[in-house]
Amino acid sequence: MEILVTLIYWLDMISVLIETRNSDELLARTLAGLVGGAVEGLLSDVIVVDYGSSDQTHRVADAAGCIFLQDQTLIDGFRRARSEWFLLIEPGARLLDGWIEPVAVHVERAQGPACFTCSHAHRKPLFNRLFSKRSPIADGLLISKRQAMALLKPEKKAADLARGLAMKRLRAEIIPTG
């Protein structure tokens, strides 16, 4: 734990970006899993890029202190963020305890894009995993601002950014959406 505290004091913080559309309950679950990172000082801001929700997504984001961008693009979210590293995560995905240190170490070493390990306790059966279409950011995406901005084109979404990237798998677990 002492290493983690030392890293976070001089480390660039991380901005979280979440794309939503009518995801109020899912967003609340995801934000709850990020609280530890905010308390430890690892997260600088959480930006919710909303694509026309008609539910309570705005209120959930506002109550959690997120920056809420309605009817804007992901690239607007990157431009608004304060950090040099980003964590892109789907609404409903939950990071499990123990995620903070592996993320902090990865960012400190600037090792390129990374994703989380799917929780073994919440894994779908093999047949479902083989024949279901998963989002490229189902396991999250940790990426530097420089690399993200070089890859991201206007009107593209997080899944487009992650598609085809070679990512290191972190020793931190995630429960993907659905």
N, C-alpha and C. Protein backbone atom coordinates (compact mmCIF):
# COMPACT_ATOMS: atom_id res chain seq x y z
N MET A 1 0.82 -1.19 0.00
CA MET A 1 0.00 0.00 0.00
C MET A 1 0.86 1.25 0.00
N GLU A 2 2.02 1.21 0.64
CA GLU A 2 2.91 2.36 0.69
C GLU A 2 3.38 2.75 -0.71
N ILE A 3 3.65 1.76 -1.56
CA ILE A 3 4.06 2.03 -2.94
C ILE A 3 2.94 2.76 -3.67
N LEU A 4 1.71 2.31 -3.48
CA LEU A 4 0.56 2.94 -4.13
C LEU A 4 0.44 4.40 -3.73
N VAL A 5 0.54 4.69 -2.45
CA VAL A 5 0.42 6.07 -1.98
C VAL A 5 1.52 6.92 -2.58
N THR A 6 2.74 6.44 -2.62
CA THR A 6 3.85 7.17 -3.22
C THR A 6 3.61 7.43 -4.69
N LEU A 7 3.15 6.43 -5.43
CA LEU A 7 2.89 6.59 -6.86
C LEU A 7 1.83 7.65 -7.12
N ILE A 8 0.76 7.61 -6.37
CA ILE A 8 -0.36 8.50 -6.64
C ILE A 8 0.00 9.96 -6.37
N TYR A 9 0.90 10.25 -5.43
CA TYR A 9 1.24 11.63 -5.13
C TYR A 9 1.94 12.33 -6.29
N TRP A 10 2.74 11.63 -7.05
CA TRP A 10 3.43 12.31 -8.15
C TRP A 10 2.96 11.86 -9.53
N LEU A 11 2.04 10.97 -9.57
CA LEU A 11 1.52 10.40 -10.80
C LEU A 11 0.50 11.32 -11.45
N ASP A 12 0.50 11.33 -12.79
CA ASP A 12 -0.60 11.99 -13.48
C ASP A 12 -1.87 11.26 -13.11
N MET A 13 -2.89 12.02 -12.89
CA MET A 13 -4.17 11.42 -12.54
C MET A 13 -4.85 10.92 -13.81
N ILE A 14 -5.95 10.24 -13.64
CA ILE A 14 -6.67 9.61 -14.74
C ILE A 14 -8.05 10.25 -14.87
N SER A 15 -8.48 10.47 -16.10
CA SER A 15 -9.84 10.91 -16.38
C SER A 15 -10.62 9.69 -16.85
N VAL A 16 -11.85 9.56 -16.37
CA VAL A 16 -12.71 8.46 -16.78
C VAL A 16 -13.71 9.02 -17.78
N LEU A 17 -13.90 8.31 -18.89
CA LEU A 17 -14.90 8.69 -19.89
C LEU A 17 -15.90 7.56 -20.04
N ILE A 18 -17.18 7.92 -19.97
CA ILE A 18 -18.26 6.93 -20.08
C ILE A 18 -19.27 7.45 -21.09
N GLU A 19 -19.52 6.67 -22.13
CA GLU A 19 -20.55 7.02 -23.11
C GLU A 19 -21.87 6.41 -22.66
N THR A 20 -22.96 7.20 -22.73
CA THR A 20 -24.24 6.71 -22.26
C THR A 20 -25.38 7.07 -23.21
N ARG A 21 -26.44 6.33 -23.04
CA ARG A 21 -27.75 6.65 -23.63
C ARG A 21 -28.77 5.84 -22.86
N ASN A 22 -29.59 6.54 -22.10
CA ASN A 22 -30.61 5.90 -21.26
C ASN A 22 -30.00 4.80 -20.38
N SER A 23 -29.00 5.17 -19.61
CA SER A 23 -28.25 4.20 -18.79
C SER A 23 -28.17 4.63 -17.33
N ASP A 24 -29.21 5.24 -16.80
CA ASP A 24 -29.10 5.79 -15.45
C ASP A 24 -28.73 4.76 -14.39
N GLU A 25 -29.40 3.61 -14.35
CA GLU A 25 -29.09 2.59 -13.34
C GLU A 25 -27.71 1.97 -13.57
N LEU A 26 -27.38 1.71 -14.82
CA LEU A 26 -26.07 1.14 -15.14
C LEU A 26 -24.95 2.12 -14.78
N LEU A 27 -25.16 3.39 -15.08
CA LEU A 27 -24.17 4.41 -14.77
C LEU A 27 -23.93 4.49 -13.26
N ALA A 28 -24.98 4.42 -12.48
CA ALA A 28 -24.84 4.47 -11.02
C ALA A 28 -23.97 3.32 -10.51
N ARG A 29 -24.16 2.12 -11.05
CA ARG A 29 -23.33 0.97 -10.64
C ARG A 29 -21.86 1.18 -10.98
N THR A 30 -21.61 1.69 -12.16
CA THR A 30 -20.23 1.92 -12.59
C THR A 30 -19.57 2.99 -11.72
N LEU A 31 -20.26 4.07 -11.49
CA LEU A 31 -19.70 5.16 -10.68
C LEU A 31 -19.40 4.71 -9.26
N ALA A 32 -20.22 3.83 -8.70
CA ALA A 32 -19.98 3.33 -7.34
C ALA A 32 -18.64 2.60 -7.26
N GLY A 33 -18.26 1.89 -8.31
CA GLY A 33 -16.99 1.17 -8.33
C GLY A 33 -15.77 2.06 -8.49
N LEU A 34 -15.99 3.31 -8.84
CA LEU A 34 -14.88 4.25 -9.05
C LEU A 34 -14.56 5.08 -7.80
N VAL A 35 -15.41 4.99 -6.80
CA VAL A 35 -15.25 5.82 -5.60
C VAL A 35 -13.87 5.65 -4.97
N GLY A 36 -13.40 4.41 -4.86
CA GLY A 36 -12.10 4.17 -4.26
C GLY A 36 -10.98 4.89 -4.98
N GLY A 37 -11.03 4.93 -6.30
CA GLY A 37 -10.02 5.64 -7.07
C GLY A 37 -10.05 7.14 -6.85
N ALA A 38 -11.25 7.67 -6.66
CA ALA A 38 -11.38 9.10 -6.37
C ALA A 38 -10.86 9.42 -4.98
N VAL A 39 -11.18 8.56 -4.00
CA VAL A 39 -10.73 8.76 -2.63
C VAL A 39 -9.21 8.68 -2.55
N GLU A 40 -8.60 7.76 -3.29
CA GLU A 40 -7.15 7.60 -3.27
C GLU A 40 -6.42 8.69 -4.07
N GLY A 41 -7.17 9.51 -4.80
CA GLY A 41 -6.55 10.60 -5.56
C GLY A 41 -6.08 10.20 -6.95
N LEU A 42 -6.49 9.03 -7.42
CA LEU A 42 -6.07 8.57 -8.74
C LEU A 42 -6.91 9.19 -9.85
N LEU A 43 -8.19 9.43 -9.59
CA LEU A 43 -9.08 9.96 -10.62
C LEU A 43 -9.21 11.47 -10.48
N SER A 44 -9.01 12.16 -11.59
CA SER A 44 -9.15 13.62 -11.55
C SER A 44 -10.55 14.05 -11.90
N ASP A 45 -11.19 13.36 -12.84
CA ASP A 45 -12.54 13.72 -13.25
C ASP A 45 -13.20 12.55 -13.95
N VAL A 46 -14.52 12.57 -13.94
CA VAL A 46 -15.31 11.58 -14.66
C VAL A 46 -16.19 12.35 -15.63
N ILE A 47 -16.08 12.01 -16.90
CA ILE A 47 -16.83 12.70 -17.94
C ILE A 47 -17.82 11.72 -18.55
N VAL A 48 -19.08 12.11 -18.53
CA VAL A 48 -20.14 11.31 -19.12
C VAL A 48 -20.56 11.97 -20.41
N VAL A 49 -20.35 11.26 -21.52
CA VAL A 49 -20.75 11.75 -22.84
C VAL A 49 -22.07 11.07 -23.17
N ASP A 50 -23.13 11.85 -23.19
CA ASP A 50 -24.47 11.30 -23.34
C ASP A 50 -25.01 11.56 -24.75
N TYR A 51 -25.60 10.53 -25.32
CA TYR A 51 -26.14 10.62 -26.67
C TYR A 51 -27.67 10.62 -26.66
N GLY A 52 -28.26 11.61 -25.99
CA GLY A 52 -29.69 11.81 -26.05
C GLY A 52 -30.53 10.99 -25.10
N SER A 53 -30.11 10.84 -23.87
CA SER A 53 -30.90 10.08 -22.89
C SER A 53 -32.20 10.79 -22.56
N SER A 54 -33.23 9.99 -22.32
CA SER A 54 -34.51 10.53 -21.88
C SER A 54 -34.84 10.06 -20.46
N ASP A 55 -33.91 9.36 -19.82
CA ASP A 55 -34.12 8.89 -18.45
C ASP A 55 -33.41 9.84 -17.48
N GLN A 56 -32.99 9.33 -16.35
CA GLN A 56 -32.37 10.16 -15.30
C GLN A 56 -30.83 10.14 -15.35
N THR A 57 -30.26 9.81 -16.48
CA THR A 57 -28.80 9.75 -16.60
C THR A 57 -28.15 11.06 -16.16
N HIS A 58 -28.70 12.17 -16.57
CA HIS A 58 -28.14 13.48 -16.21
C HIS A 58 -28.10 13.66 -14.70
N ARG A 59 -29.16 13.28 -14.02
CA ARG A 59 -29.21 13.44 -12.55
C ARG A 59 -28.21 12.54 -11.85
N VAL A 60 -28.05 11.32 -12.33
CA VAL A 60 -27.07 10.41 -11.73
C VAL A 60 -25.67 10.98 -11.88
N ALA A 61 -25.34 11.45 -13.08
CA ALA A 61 -24.02 12.04 -13.33
C ALA A 61 -23.81 13.28 -12.47
N ASP A 62 -24.81 14.12 -12.39
CA ASP A 62 -24.72 15.35 -11.61
C ASP A 62 -24.53 15.05 -10.12
N ALA A 63 -25.29 14.09 -9.59
CA ALA A 63 -25.19 13.73 -8.17
C ALA A 63 -23.81 13.18 -7.83
N ALA A 64 -23.17 12.54 -8.80
CA ALA A 64 -21.84 11.96 -8.56
C ALA A 64 -20.71 12.95 -8.84
N GLY A 65 -21.06 14.16 -9.28
CA GLY A 65 -20.03 15.17 -9.55
C GLY A 65 -19.33 15.01 -10.88
N CYS A 66 -19.96 14.33 -11.80
CA CYS A 66 -19.38 14.12 -13.13
C CYS A 66 -19.56 15.35 -14.01
N ILE A 67 -18.71 15.47 -15.00
CA ILE A 67 -18.89 16.45 -16.07
C ILE A 67 -19.84 15.78 -17.06
N PHE A 68 -20.94 16.41 -17.37
CA PHE A 68 -21.96 15.81 -18.24
C PHE A 68 -21.99 16.56 -19.56
N LEU A 69 -21.68 15.86 -20.64
CA LEU A 69 -21.69 16.44 -21.98
C LEU A 69 -22.83 15.81 -22.76
N GLN A 70 -23.85 16.58 -23.01
CA GLN A 70 -25.02 16.05 -23.73
C GLN A 70 -24.92 16.40 -25.21
N ASP A 71 -25.21 15.39 -26.03
CA ASP A 71 -25.20 15.55 -27.49
C ASP A 71 -23.88 16.11 -28.01
N GLN A 72 -22.79 15.68 -27.40
CA GLN A 72 -21.46 16.03 -27.89
C GLN A 72 -20.75 14.73 -28.26
N THR A 73 -19.53 14.81 -28.73
CA THR A 73 -18.82 13.63 -29.19
C THR A 73 -17.79 13.19 -28.16
N LEU A 74 -17.29 11.99 -28.36
CA LEU A 74 -16.24 11.48 -27.47
C LEU A 74 -15.01 12.37 -27.51
N ILE A 75 -14.69 12.88 -28.67
CA ILE A 75 -13.52 13.75 -28.80
C ILE A 75 -13.69 15.01 -27.95
N ASP A 76 -14.94 15.49 -27.81
CA ASP A 76 -15.20 16.63 -26.92
C ASP A 76 -14.90 16.24 -25.47
N GLY A 77 -15.20 15.01 -25.11
CA GLY A 77 -14.89 14.52 -23.77
C GLY A 77 -13.39 14.47 -23.53
N PHE A 78 -12.63 14.00 -24.51
CA PHE A 78 -11.17 13.97 -24.38
C PHE A 78 -10.61 15.37 -24.22
N ARG A 79 -11.15 16.30 -24.98
CA ARG A 79 -10.66 17.68 -24.91
C ARG A 79 -10.99 18.33 -23.57
N ARG A 80 -12.07 17.95 -22.98
CA ARG A 80 -12.52 18.54 -21.71
C ARG A 80 -11.77 17.96 -20.51
N ALA A 81 -11.25 16.76 -20.66
CA ALA A 81 -10.58 16.07 -19.55
C ALA A 81 -9.29 16.77 -19.14
N ARG A 82 -8.94 16.60 -17.87
CA ARG A 82 -7.76 17.26 -17.33
C ARG A 82 -6.51 16.38 -17.31
N SER A 83 -6.65 15.10 -17.57
CA SER A 83 -5.55 14.16 -17.38
C SER A 83 -4.87 13.78 -18.68
N GLU A 84 -3.73 13.16 -18.53
CA GLU A 84 -2.98 12.64 -19.68
C GLU A 84 -3.26 11.16 -19.93
N TRP A 85 -4.01 10.53 -19.03
CA TRP A 85 -4.42 9.14 -19.18
C TRP A 85 -5.92 9.04 -19.01
N PHE A 86 -6.52 8.11 -19.76
CA PHE A 86 -7.97 7.95 -19.75
C PHE A 86 -8.35 6.50 -19.48
N LEU A 87 -9.45 6.36 -18.77
CA LEU A 87 -10.08 5.06 -18.58
C LEU A 87 -11.45 5.15 -19.22
N LEU A 88 -11.66 4.39 -20.27
CA LEU A 88 -12.97 4.33 -20.92
C LEU A 88 -13.65 3.07 -20.44
N ILE A 89 -14.88 3.22 -20.00
CA ILE A 89 -15.61 2.10 -19.42
C ILE A 89 -17.09 2.21 -19.79
N GLU A 90 -17.73 1.07 -19.97
CA GLU A 90 -19.15 1.07 -20.33
C GLU A 90 -20.03 1.23 -19.10
N PRO A 91 -21.19 1.88 -19.26
CA PRO A 91 -22.12 1.95 -18.14
C PRO A 91 -22.55 0.54 -17.75
N GLY A 92 -22.52 0.26 -16.48
CA GLY A 92 -22.88 -1.07 -15.98
C GLY A 92 -21.68 -1.92 -15.63
N ALA A 93 -20.54 -1.64 -16.23
CA ALA A 93 -19.31 -2.38 -15.90
C ALA A 93 -18.85 -1.94 -14.52
N ARG A 94 -18.34 -2.89 -13.74
CA ARG A 94 -17.89 -2.57 -12.39
C ARG A 94 -16.46 -3.05 -12.17
N LEU A 95 -15.62 -2.16 -11.69
CA LEU A 95 -14.26 -2.54 -11.33
C LEU A 95 -14.29 -3.13 -9.93
N LEU A 96 -13.62 -4.27 -9.76
CA LEU A 96 -13.61 -4.94 -8.47
C LEU A 96 -12.46 -4.43 -7.60
N ASP A 97 -12.59 -4.64 -6.29
CA ASP A 97 -11.55 -4.21 -5.36
C ASP A 97 -10.18 -4.66 -5.85
N GLY A 98 -9.20 -3.80 -5.65
CA GLY A 98 -7.84 -4.12 -6.04
C GLY A 98 -7.43 -3.55 -7.39
N TRP A 99 -8.27 -2.75 -8.01
CA TRP A 99 -7.97 -2.22 -9.35
C TRP A 99 -7.04 -1.01 -9.32
N ILE A 100 -6.98 -0.31 -8.21
CA ILE A 100 -6.28 0.97 -8.17
C ILE A 100 -4.77 0.80 -8.37
N GLU A 101 -4.15 -0.09 -7.64
CA GLU A 101 -2.70 -0.23 -7.74
C GLU A 101 -2.23 -0.69 -9.13
N PRO A 102 -2.84 -1.72 -9.74
CA PRO A 102 -2.39 -2.10 -11.09
C PRO A 102 -2.54 -0.97 -12.11
N VAL A 103 -3.59 -0.18 -11.99
CA VAL A 103 -3.77 0.95 -12.90
C VAL A 103 -2.69 2.01 -12.66
N ALA A 104 -2.44 2.34 -11.40
CA ALA A 104 -1.43 3.34 -11.06
C ALA A 104 -0.05 2.91 -11.55
N VAL A 105 0.30 1.65 -11.36
CA VAL A 105 1.60 1.14 -11.81
C VAL A 105 1.70 1.18 -13.33
N HIS A 106 0.63 0.79 -14.01
CA HIS A 106 0.63 0.80 -15.48
C HIS A 106 0.83 2.21 -16.03
N VAL A 107 0.11 3.16 -15.47
CA VAL A 107 0.22 4.55 -15.92
C VAL A 107 1.61 5.10 -15.62
N GLU A 108 2.13 4.78 -14.45
CA GLU A 108 3.47 5.26 -14.07
C GLU A 108 4.52 4.77 -15.03
N ARG A 109 4.37 3.56 -15.51
CA ARG A 109 5.34 2.98 -16.44
C ARG A 109 5.04 3.33 -17.90
N ALA A 110 3.93 4.00 -18.15
CA ALA A 110 3.51 4.42 -19.50
C ALA A 110 3.66 3.28 -20.49
N GLN A 111 2.96 2.19 -20.23
CA GLN A 111 3.12 0.96 -21.00
C GLN A 111 2.15 0.81 -22.17
N GLY A 112 1.52 1.85 -22.62
CA GLY A 112 0.58 1.72 -23.74
C GLY A 112 -0.80 1.32 -23.28
N PRO A 113 -1.69 1.01 -24.22
CA PRO A 113 -3.08 0.70 -23.87
C PRO A 113 -3.19 -0.60 -23.07
N ALA A 114 -4.21 -0.63 -22.21
CA ALA A 114 -4.43 -1.81 -21.38
C ALA A 114 -5.93 -1.99 -21.16
N CYS A 115 -6.29 -3.19 -20.73
CA CYS A 115 -7.68 -3.48 -20.36
C CYS A 115 -7.65 -4.32 -19.09
N PHE A 116 -8.82 -4.49 -18.49
CA PHE A 116 -8.94 -5.26 -17.26
C PHE A 116 -9.17 -6.73 -17.59
N THR A 117 -9.04 -7.57 -16.58
CA THR A 117 -9.31 -9.00 -16.71
C THR A 117 -10.75 -9.24 -16.30
N CYS A 118 -11.48 -9.97 -17.12
CA CYS A 118 -12.87 -10.29 -16.81
C CYS A 118 -12.91 -11.15 -15.54
N SER A 119 -13.76 -10.78 -14.61
CA SER A 119 -13.89 -11.50 -13.35
C SER A 119 -14.26 -12.96 -13.61
N HIS A 120 -13.50 -13.87 -13.03
CA HIS A 120 -13.78 -15.30 -13.22
C HIS A 120 -15.11 -15.69 -12.60
N ALA A 121 -15.48 -15.04 -11.52
CA ALA A 121 -16.74 -15.37 -10.85
C ALA A 121 -17.95 -14.94 -11.67
N HIS A 122 -17.78 -14.02 -12.60
CA HIS A 122 -18.89 -13.49 -13.38
C HIS A 122 -18.75 -13.79 -14.87
N ARG A 123 -17.91 -14.75 -15.20
CA ARG A 123 -17.71 -15.11 -16.60
C ARG A 123 -18.90 -15.86 -17.15
N LYS A 124 -19.23 -15.57 -18.40
CA LYS A 124 -20.29 -16.31 -19.07
C LYS A 124 -19.76 -17.70 -19.45
N PRO A 125 -20.64 -18.65 -19.66
CA PRO A 125 -20.19 -19.98 -20.09
C PRO A 125 -19.41 -19.88 -21.41
N LEU A 126 -18.52 -20.83 -21.61
CA LEU A 126 -17.64 -20.83 -22.78
C LEU A 126 -18.41 -20.69 -24.09
N PHE A 127 -19.48 -21.42 -24.25
CA PHE A 127 -20.26 -21.37 -25.49
C PHE A 127 -20.77 -19.96 -25.75
N ASN A 128 -21.27 -19.30 -24.71
CA ASN A 128 -21.76 -17.93 -24.86
C ASN A 128 -20.63 -16.97 -25.21
N ARG A 129 -19.45 -17.17 -24.60
CA ARG A 129 -18.32 -16.29 -24.89
C ARG A 129 -17.84 -16.44 -26.32
N LEU A 130 -17.86 -17.67 -26.83
CA LEU A 130 -17.38 -17.92 -28.18
C LEU A 130 -18.31 -17.37 -29.25
N PHE A 131 -19.61 -17.38 -28.99
CA PHE A 131 -20.56 -17.03 -30.04
C PHE A 131 -21.33 -15.73 -29.79
N SER A 132 -20.94 -14.98 -28.80
CA SER A 132 -21.60 -13.69 -28.59
C SER A 132 -20.65 -12.57 -29.01
N LYS A 133 -21.23 -11.51 -29.48
CA LYS A 133 -20.44 -10.36 -29.90
C LYS A 133 -20.21 -9.45 -28.70
N ARG A 134 -18.96 -9.24 -28.35
CA ARG A 134 -18.60 -8.38 -27.22
C ARG A 134 -18.11 -7.04 -27.73
N SER A 135 -18.40 -6.03 -26.97
CA SER A 135 -17.90 -4.70 -27.28
C SER A 135 -16.39 -4.68 -27.08
N PRO A 136 -15.65 -3.97 -27.93
CA PRO A 136 -14.20 -3.86 -27.75
C PRO A 136 -13.79 -3.20 -26.43
N ILE A 137 -14.73 -2.49 -25.78
CA ILE A 137 -14.38 -1.91 -24.48
C ILE A 137 -15.13 -2.60 -23.33
N ALA A 138 -15.58 -3.80 -23.55
CA ALA A 138 -16.27 -4.55 -22.49
C ALA A 138 -15.38 -4.71 -21.26
N ASP A 139 -14.08 -4.84 -21.46
CA ASP A 139 -13.13 -4.97 -20.36
C ASP A 139 -12.44 -3.65 -20.04
N GLY A 140 -13.03 -2.54 -20.49
CA GLY A 140 -12.46 -1.23 -20.25
C GLY A 140 -11.28 -0.96 -21.17
N LEU A 141 -10.83 0.26 -21.19
CA LEU A 141 -9.66 0.65 -21.98
C LEU A 141 -8.94 1.75 -21.23
N LEU A 142 -7.69 1.51 -20.91
CA LEU A 142 -6.81 2.50 -20.30
C LEU A 142 -5.84 2.93 -21.38
N ILE A 143 -5.82 4.23 -21.71
CA ILE A 143 -5.03 4.70 -22.84
C ILE A 143 -4.54 6.12 -22.57
N SER A 144 -3.37 6.44 -23.11
CA SER A 144 -2.84 7.80 -22.94
C SER A 144 -3.58 8.77 -23.85
N LYS A 145 -3.61 10.01 -23.44
CA LYS A 145 -4.28 11.05 -24.22
C LYS A 145 -3.63 11.18 -25.59
N ARG A 146 -2.31 11.14 -25.62
CA ARG A 146 -1.58 11.28 -26.89
C ARG A 146 -1.99 10.19 -27.87
N GLN A 147 -2.03 8.95 -27.43
CA GLN A 147 -2.39 7.86 -28.33
C GLN A 147 -3.87 7.92 -28.72
N ALA A 148 -4.72 8.23 -27.76
CA ALA A 148 -6.15 8.30 -28.05
C ALA A 148 -6.45 9.39 -29.08
N MET A 149 -5.87 10.56 -28.91
CA MET A 149 -6.13 11.66 -29.83
C MET A 149 -5.58 11.36 -31.23
N ALA A 150 -4.50 10.60 -31.30
CA ALA A 150 -3.94 10.23 -32.61
C ALA A 150 -4.85 9.23 -33.33
N LEU A 151 -5.54 8.38 -32.59
CA LEU A 151 -6.38 7.35 -33.18
C LEU A 151 -7.84 7.77 -33.39
N LEU A 152 -8.30 8.69 -32.58
CA LEU A 152 -9.72 9.04 -32.59
C LEU A 152 -10.05 10.00 -33.72
N LYS A 153 -11.09 9.67 -34.44
CA LYS A 153 -11.59 10.52 -35.52
C LYS A 153 -12.92 11.13 -35.06
N PRO A 154 -13.28 12.28 -35.64
CA PRO A 154 -14.56 12.89 -35.26
C PRO A 154 -15.73 11.91 -35.46
N GLU A 155 -16.69 12.01 -34.57
CA GLU A 155 -17.91 11.19 -34.61
C GLU A 155 -17.67 9.71 -34.31
N LYS A 156 -16.48 9.32 -33.89
CA LYS A 156 -16.22 7.93 -33.53
C LYS A 156 -16.52 7.73 -32.05
N LYS A 157 -16.79 6.51 -31.70
CA LYS A 157 -17.13 6.15 -30.33
C LYS A 157 -15.97 5.37 -29.69
N ALA A 158 -16.09 5.10 -28.39
CA ALA A 158 -15.04 4.40 -27.65
C ALA A 158 -14.73 3.04 -28.25
N ALA A 159 -15.76 2.31 -28.67
CA ALA A 159 -15.54 0.99 -29.26
C ALA A 159 -14.69 1.09 -30.53
N ASP A 160 -14.88 2.15 -31.31
CA ASP A 160 -14.08 2.35 -32.51
C ASP A 160 -12.62 2.60 -32.16
N LEU A 161 -12.39 3.31 -31.07
CA LEU A 161 -11.04 3.60 -30.62
C LEU A 161 -10.33 2.32 -30.19
N ALA A 162 -11.04 1.44 -29.50
CA ALA A 162 -10.43 0.23 -28.95
C ALA A 162 -10.27 -0.89 -29.98
N ARG A 163 -11.08 -0.86 -31.01
CA ARG A 163 -11.07 -1.94 -32.01
C ARG A 163 -9.68 -2.07 -32.64
N GLY A 164 -9.12 -3.26 -32.54
CA GLY A 164 -7.84 -3.56 -33.17
C GLY A 164 -6.61 -3.17 -32.37
N LEU A 165 -6.79 -2.56 -31.20
CA LEU A 165 -5.63 -2.19 -30.38
C LEU A 165 -5.04 -3.41 -29.68
N ALA A 166 -3.74 -3.47 -29.64
CA ALA A 166 -3.06 -4.49 -28.84
C ALA A 166 -2.98 -3.95 -27.42
N MET A 167 -3.67 -4.62 -26.49
CA MET A 167 -3.75 -4.13 -25.12
C MET A 167 -3.12 -5.11 -24.14
N LYS A 168 -2.44 -4.55 -23.17
CA LYS A 168 -1.94 -5.36 -22.07
C LYS A 168 -3.11 -5.64 -21.13
N ARG A 169 -3.19 -6.84 -20.62
CA ARG A 169 -4.26 -7.19 -19.68
C ARG A 169 -3.75 -6.94 -18.26
N LEU A 170 -4.45 -6.08 -17.54
CA LEU A 170 -4.06 -5.73 -16.17
C LEU A 170 -4.48 -6.84 -15.20
N ARG A 171 -3.77 -6.91 -14.09
CA ARG A 171 -4.13 -7.84 -13.01
C ARG A 171 -5.15 -7.18 -12.09
N ALA A 172 -6.22 -6.76 -12.69
CA ALA A 172 -7.33 -6.14 -11.98
C ALA A 172 -8.60 -6.60 -12.68
N GLU A 173 -9.61 -6.92 -11.90
CA GLU A 173 -10.81 -7.52 -12.49
C GLU A 173 -11.94 -6.52 -12.70
N ILE A 174 -12.73 -6.84 -13.73
CA ILE A 174 -13.91 -6.07 -14.07
C ILE A 174 -15.07 -7.02 -14.27
N ILE A 175 -16.25 -6.56 -13.90
CA ILE A 175 -17.46 -7.28 -14.23
C ILE A 175 -18.07 -6.52 -15.41
N PRO A 176 -18.00 -7.08 -16.60
CA PRO A 176 -18.52 -6.35 -17.77
C PRO A 176 -20.04 -6.18 -17.71
N THR A 177 -20.54 -5.27 -18.50
CA THR A 177 -21.98 -5.05 -18.62
C THR A 177 -22.63 -6.32 -19.13
N GLY A 178 -23.81 -6.61 -18.58
CA GLY A 178 -24.60 -7.76 -19.05
C GLY A 178 -23.90 -9.01 -18.85
